[in-house]
N, C-alpha and C. Protein backbone atom coordinates (compact mmCIF):
# COMPACT_ATOMS: atom_id res chain seq x y z
N MET A 1 -25.04 46.12 39.55
CA MET A 1 -26.44 45.86 39.81
C MET A 1 -26.81 46.42 41.18
N ASP A 2 -27.83 47.22 41.21
CA ASP A 2 -28.38 47.71 42.47
C ASP A 2 -29.36 46.64 42.97
N ARG A 3 -29.06 46.06 44.12
CA ARG A 3 -29.87 44.93 44.59
C ARG A 3 -31.31 45.32 44.90
N LEU A 4 -31.53 46.49 45.48
CA LEU A 4 -32.91 46.89 45.77
C LEU A 4 -33.71 47.04 44.48
N ASP A 5 -33.10 47.64 43.46
CA ASP A 5 -33.79 47.78 42.17
C ASP A 5 -34.06 46.41 41.57
N ALA A 6 -33.09 45.51 41.68
CA ALA A 6 -33.26 44.16 41.15
C ALA A 6 -34.37 43.42 41.90
N MET A 7 -34.43 43.62 43.21
CA MET A 7 -35.48 42.99 44.02
C MET A 7 -36.85 43.52 43.61
N LYS A 8 -36.97 44.83 43.42
CA LYS A 8 -38.23 45.43 42.98
C LYS A 8 -38.66 44.85 41.64
N LEU A 9 -37.70 44.73 40.74
CA LEU A 9 -37.99 44.19 39.42
C LEU A 9 -38.43 42.73 39.51
N PHE A 10 -37.74 41.96 40.35
CA PHE A 10 -38.11 40.56 40.54
C PHE A 10 -39.53 40.44 41.07
N VAL A 11 -39.89 41.27 42.03
CA VAL A 11 -41.25 41.24 42.60
C VAL A 11 -42.28 41.56 41.51
N ARG A 12 -41.98 42.55 40.68
CA ARG A 12 -42.91 42.91 39.60
C ARG A 12 -43.08 41.76 38.61
N VAL A 13 -41.96 41.14 38.24
CA VAL A 13 -42.03 40.01 37.31
C VAL A 13 -42.87 38.89 37.92
N ALA A 14 -42.65 38.60 39.18
CA ALA A 14 -43.40 37.54 39.85
C ALA A 14 -44.89 37.89 39.90
N GLU A 15 -45.21 39.14 40.18
CA GLU A 15 -46.61 39.53 40.29
C GLU A 15 -47.32 39.58 38.95
N LEU A 16 -46.62 40.09 37.93
CA LEU A 16 -47.25 40.20 36.61
C LEU A 16 -47.12 38.91 35.79
N GLY A 17 -46.16 38.08 36.16
CA GLY A 17 -46.00 36.80 35.47
C GLY A 17 -45.43 36.89 34.08
N SER A 18 -44.75 38.01 33.79
CA SER A 18 -44.25 38.20 32.43
C SER A 18 -43.14 39.25 32.40
N PHE A 19 -42.06 38.90 31.72
CA PHE A 19 -40.99 39.87 31.51
C PHE A 19 -41.50 40.99 30.59
N ALA A 20 -42.26 40.61 29.57
CA ALA A 20 -42.77 41.59 28.61
C ALA A 20 -43.70 42.60 29.28
N ALA A 21 -44.56 42.12 30.17
CA ALA A 21 -45.49 43.02 30.86
C ALA A 21 -44.75 44.03 31.72
N VAL A 22 -43.71 43.56 32.39
CA VAL A 22 -42.91 44.47 33.24
C VAL A 22 -42.17 45.48 32.37
N SER A 23 -41.60 45.02 31.28
CA SER A 23 -40.85 45.93 30.41
C SER A 23 -41.78 47.00 29.84
N GLN A 24 -42.99 46.58 29.48
CA GLN A 24 -43.96 47.54 28.94
C GLN A 24 -44.38 48.53 30.03
N GLN A 25 -44.63 48.03 31.23
CA GLN A 25 -45.06 48.89 32.34
C GLN A 25 -43.99 49.93 32.68
N LEU A 26 -42.72 49.51 32.63
CA LEU A 26 -41.63 50.41 32.99
C LEU A 26 -41.10 51.22 31.81
N GLY A 27 -41.51 50.85 30.60
CA GLY A 27 -41.05 51.56 29.42
C GLY A 27 -39.59 51.29 29.08
N VAL A 28 -39.16 50.05 29.34
CA VAL A 28 -37.79 49.65 29.01
C VAL A 28 -37.85 48.42 28.12
N ALA A 29 -36.73 48.12 27.48
CA ALA A 29 -36.67 46.94 26.63
C ALA A 29 -36.79 45.67 27.47
N ARG A 30 -37.39 44.65 26.89
CA ARG A 30 -37.53 43.38 27.59
C ARG A 30 -36.18 42.81 27.99
N SER A 31 -35.18 43.05 27.14
CA SER A 31 -33.84 42.54 27.43
C SER A 31 -33.26 43.15 28.71
N VAL A 32 -33.65 44.36 29.03
CA VAL A 32 -33.20 45.01 30.27
C VAL A 32 -33.73 44.24 31.48
N VAL A 33 -34.99 43.90 31.42
CA VAL A 33 -35.62 43.15 32.51
C VAL A 33 -34.98 41.77 32.62
N THR A 34 -34.82 41.11 31.50
CA THR A 34 -34.23 39.77 31.48
C THR A 34 -32.81 39.78 32.05
N ARG A 35 -32.01 40.76 31.65
CA ARG A 35 -30.63 40.86 32.13
C ARG A 35 -30.56 41.13 33.62
N GLN A 36 -31.45 41.97 34.12
CA GLN A 36 -31.46 42.28 35.56
C GLN A 36 -31.80 41.03 36.38
N ILE A 37 -32.79 40.28 35.93
CA ILE A 37 -33.16 39.06 36.66
C ILE A 37 -32.02 38.04 36.57
N ALA A 38 -31.41 37.92 35.40
CA ALA A 38 -30.28 36.99 35.25
C ALA A 38 -29.12 37.40 36.15
N ALA A 39 -28.86 38.69 36.26
CA ALA A 39 -27.78 39.18 37.13
C ALA A 39 -28.10 38.89 38.60
N LEU A 40 -29.35 39.04 38.98
CA LEU A 40 -29.77 38.74 40.35
C LEU A 40 -29.58 37.25 40.64
N GLU A 41 -30.01 36.41 39.71
CA GLU A 41 -29.84 34.96 39.88
C GLU A 41 -28.35 34.59 39.96
N LYS A 42 -27.55 35.23 39.15
CA LYS A 42 -26.11 34.96 39.19
C LYS A 42 -25.52 35.37 40.53
N HIS A 43 -25.91 36.54 41.01
CA HIS A 43 -25.43 37.03 42.30
C HIS A 43 -25.83 36.07 43.43
N LEU A 44 -27.07 35.60 43.39
CA LEU A 44 -27.58 34.72 44.44
C LEU A 44 -27.14 33.27 44.26
N ARG A 45 -26.67 32.97 43.06
CA ARG A 45 -26.26 31.60 42.69
C ARG A 45 -27.40 30.60 42.83
N VAL A 46 -28.59 31.06 42.42
CA VAL A 46 -29.77 30.20 42.46
C VAL A 46 -30.74 30.65 41.37
N LYS A 47 -31.44 29.71 40.79
CA LYS A 47 -32.46 30.01 39.79
C LYS A 47 -33.73 30.43 40.52
N LEU A 48 -34.24 31.59 40.20
CA LEU A 48 -35.45 32.10 40.84
C LEU A 48 -36.70 31.82 40.02
N ILE A 49 -36.52 31.80 38.70
CA ILE A 49 -37.65 31.67 37.79
C ILE A 49 -37.34 30.61 36.75
N THR A 50 -38.30 29.73 36.52
CA THR A 50 -38.21 28.77 35.43
C THR A 50 -38.95 29.37 34.25
N ARG A 51 -38.26 29.54 33.13
CA ARG A 51 -38.85 30.18 31.97
C ARG A 51 -39.16 29.14 30.90
N SER A 52 -40.29 29.34 30.25
CA SER A 52 -40.61 28.58 29.04
C SER A 52 -41.04 29.58 27.99
N THR A 53 -41.32 29.11 26.81
CA THR A 53 -41.71 30.05 25.74
C THR A 53 -43.05 30.71 26.02
N ARG A 54 -43.87 30.09 26.84
CA ARG A 54 -45.21 30.64 27.07
C ARG A 54 -45.48 31.12 28.49
N SER A 55 -44.63 30.75 29.43
CA SER A 55 -44.92 31.15 30.80
C SER A 55 -43.65 31.15 31.64
N LEU A 56 -43.81 31.67 32.84
CA LEU A 56 -42.73 31.57 33.81
C LEU A 56 -43.32 31.14 35.13
N THR A 57 -42.49 30.42 35.87
CA THR A 57 -42.91 29.88 37.17
C THR A 57 -41.79 30.12 38.16
N LEU A 58 -42.13 30.52 39.36
CA LEU A 58 -41.13 30.68 40.39
C LEU A 58 -40.66 29.31 40.85
N THR A 59 -39.36 29.19 41.08
CA THR A 59 -38.83 27.99 41.69
C THR A 59 -39.16 28.05 43.18
N ALA A 60 -38.89 26.99 43.90
CA ALA A 60 -39.11 27.01 45.35
C ALA A 60 -38.26 28.11 45.99
N ALA A 61 -37.02 28.24 45.54
CA ALA A 61 -36.15 29.30 46.04
C ALA A 61 -36.70 30.67 45.66
N GLY A 62 -37.24 30.79 44.46
CA GLY A 62 -37.82 32.05 44.00
C GLY A 62 -39.03 32.46 44.83
N ALA A 63 -39.87 31.49 45.17
CA ALA A 63 -41.05 31.79 45.98
C ALA A 63 -40.65 32.26 47.38
N ALA A 64 -39.65 31.60 47.96
CA ALA A 64 -39.17 32.00 49.29
C ALA A 64 -38.53 33.38 49.23
N TYR A 65 -37.73 33.61 48.19
CA TYR A 65 -37.05 34.90 48.03
C TYR A 65 -38.07 36.01 47.80
N LEU A 66 -39.13 35.73 47.06
CA LEU A 66 -40.18 36.72 46.81
C LEU A 66 -40.78 37.23 48.11
N GLU A 67 -41.10 36.33 49.01
CA GLU A 67 -41.69 36.74 50.29
C GLU A 67 -40.72 37.61 51.08
N LYS A 68 -39.45 37.25 51.10
CA LYS A 68 -38.46 38.04 51.82
C LYS A 68 -38.25 39.40 51.16
N CYS A 69 -38.28 39.43 49.83
CA CYS A 69 -38.15 40.70 49.11
C CYS A 69 -39.29 41.64 49.47
N ARG A 70 -40.49 41.11 49.53
CA ARG A 70 -41.65 41.94 49.88
C ARG A 70 -41.49 42.55 51.27
N VAL A 71 -41.02 41.76 52.22
CA VAL A 71 -40.81 42.27 53.59
C VAL A 71 -39.76 43.37 53.57
N ILE A 72 -38.64 43.11 52.92
CA ILE A 72 -37.54 44.08 52.87
C ILE A 72 -37.99 45.37 52.20
N LEU A 73 -38.65 45.26 51.05
CA LEU A 73 -39.08 46.45 50.31
C LEU A 73 -40.12 47.23 51.10
N ASN A 74 -41.00 46.55 51.82
CA ASN A 74 -41.97 47.24 52.68
C ASN A 74 -41.27 47.99 53.81
N MET A 75 -40.21 47.39 54.35
CA MET A 75 -39.45 48.05 55.42
C MET A 75 -38.74 49.29 54.89
N VAL A 76 -38.19 49.22 53.69
CA VAL A 76 -37.53 50.37 53.09
C VAL A 76 -38.54 51.49 52.87
N ASP A 77 -39.72 51.13 52.33
CA ASP A 77 -40.76 52.13 52.12
C ASP A 77 -41.18 52.79 53.43
N ALA A 78 -41.32 51.98 54.48
CA ALA A 78 -41.72 52.51 55.79
C ALA A 78 -40.65 53.44 56.35
N ALA A 79 -39.40 53.07 56.19
CA ALA A 79 -38.31 53.91 56.68
C ALA A 79 -38.29 55.25 55.95
N GLU A 80 -38.49 55.22 54.65
CA GLU A 80 -38.50 56.46 53.88
C GLU A 80 -39.71 57.31 54.22
N SER A 81 -40.85 56.68 54.43
CA SER A 81 -42.07 57.41 54.80
C SER A 81 -41.91 58.09 56.15
N SER A 82 -41.26 57.42 57.09
CA SER A 82 -41.08 58.02 58.41
C SER A 82 -40.18 59.25 58.32
N LEU A 83 -39.22 59.24 57.42
CA LEU A 83 -38.38 60.43 57.25
C LEU A 83 -39.16 61.57 56.64
N ASP A 84 -40.05 61.25 55.70
CA ASP A 84 -40.88 62.29 55.10
C ASP A 84 -41.78 62.93 56.15
N GLU A 85 -42.28 62.14 57.11
CA GLU A 85 -43.13 62.67 58.17
C GLU A 85 -42.35 63.58 59.11
N GLU A 86 -41.08 63.27 59.34
CA GLU A 86 -40.25 64.09 60.23
C GLU A 86 -39.92 65.44 59.61
N LYS A 87 -39.86 65.48 58.27
CA LYS A 87 -39.56 66.74 57.58
C LYS A 87 -40.69 67.73 57.73
N ALA A 88 -41.91 67.22 57.83
CA ALA A 88 -43.09 68.09 57.84
C ALA A 88 -43.27 68.82 59.12
């Protein structure tokens, strides 16, 4: 599991509120999204999302992790953008 990819996927799931919506947006099977989130939760040893048949809700740990993921992913984007500017 690539953690940055898993973090990006987790952020998308949290924002869209649906595994199916993310899978459709990315053009991958829903099971791929589900497995990635499950692998992330296993790695972290914490439940990030409470799932029901009709909805999903972030746990307290999931909400805290979401905010940290956003900061980290923004920093990665900024670092990559600064390299692109140096190339020009």
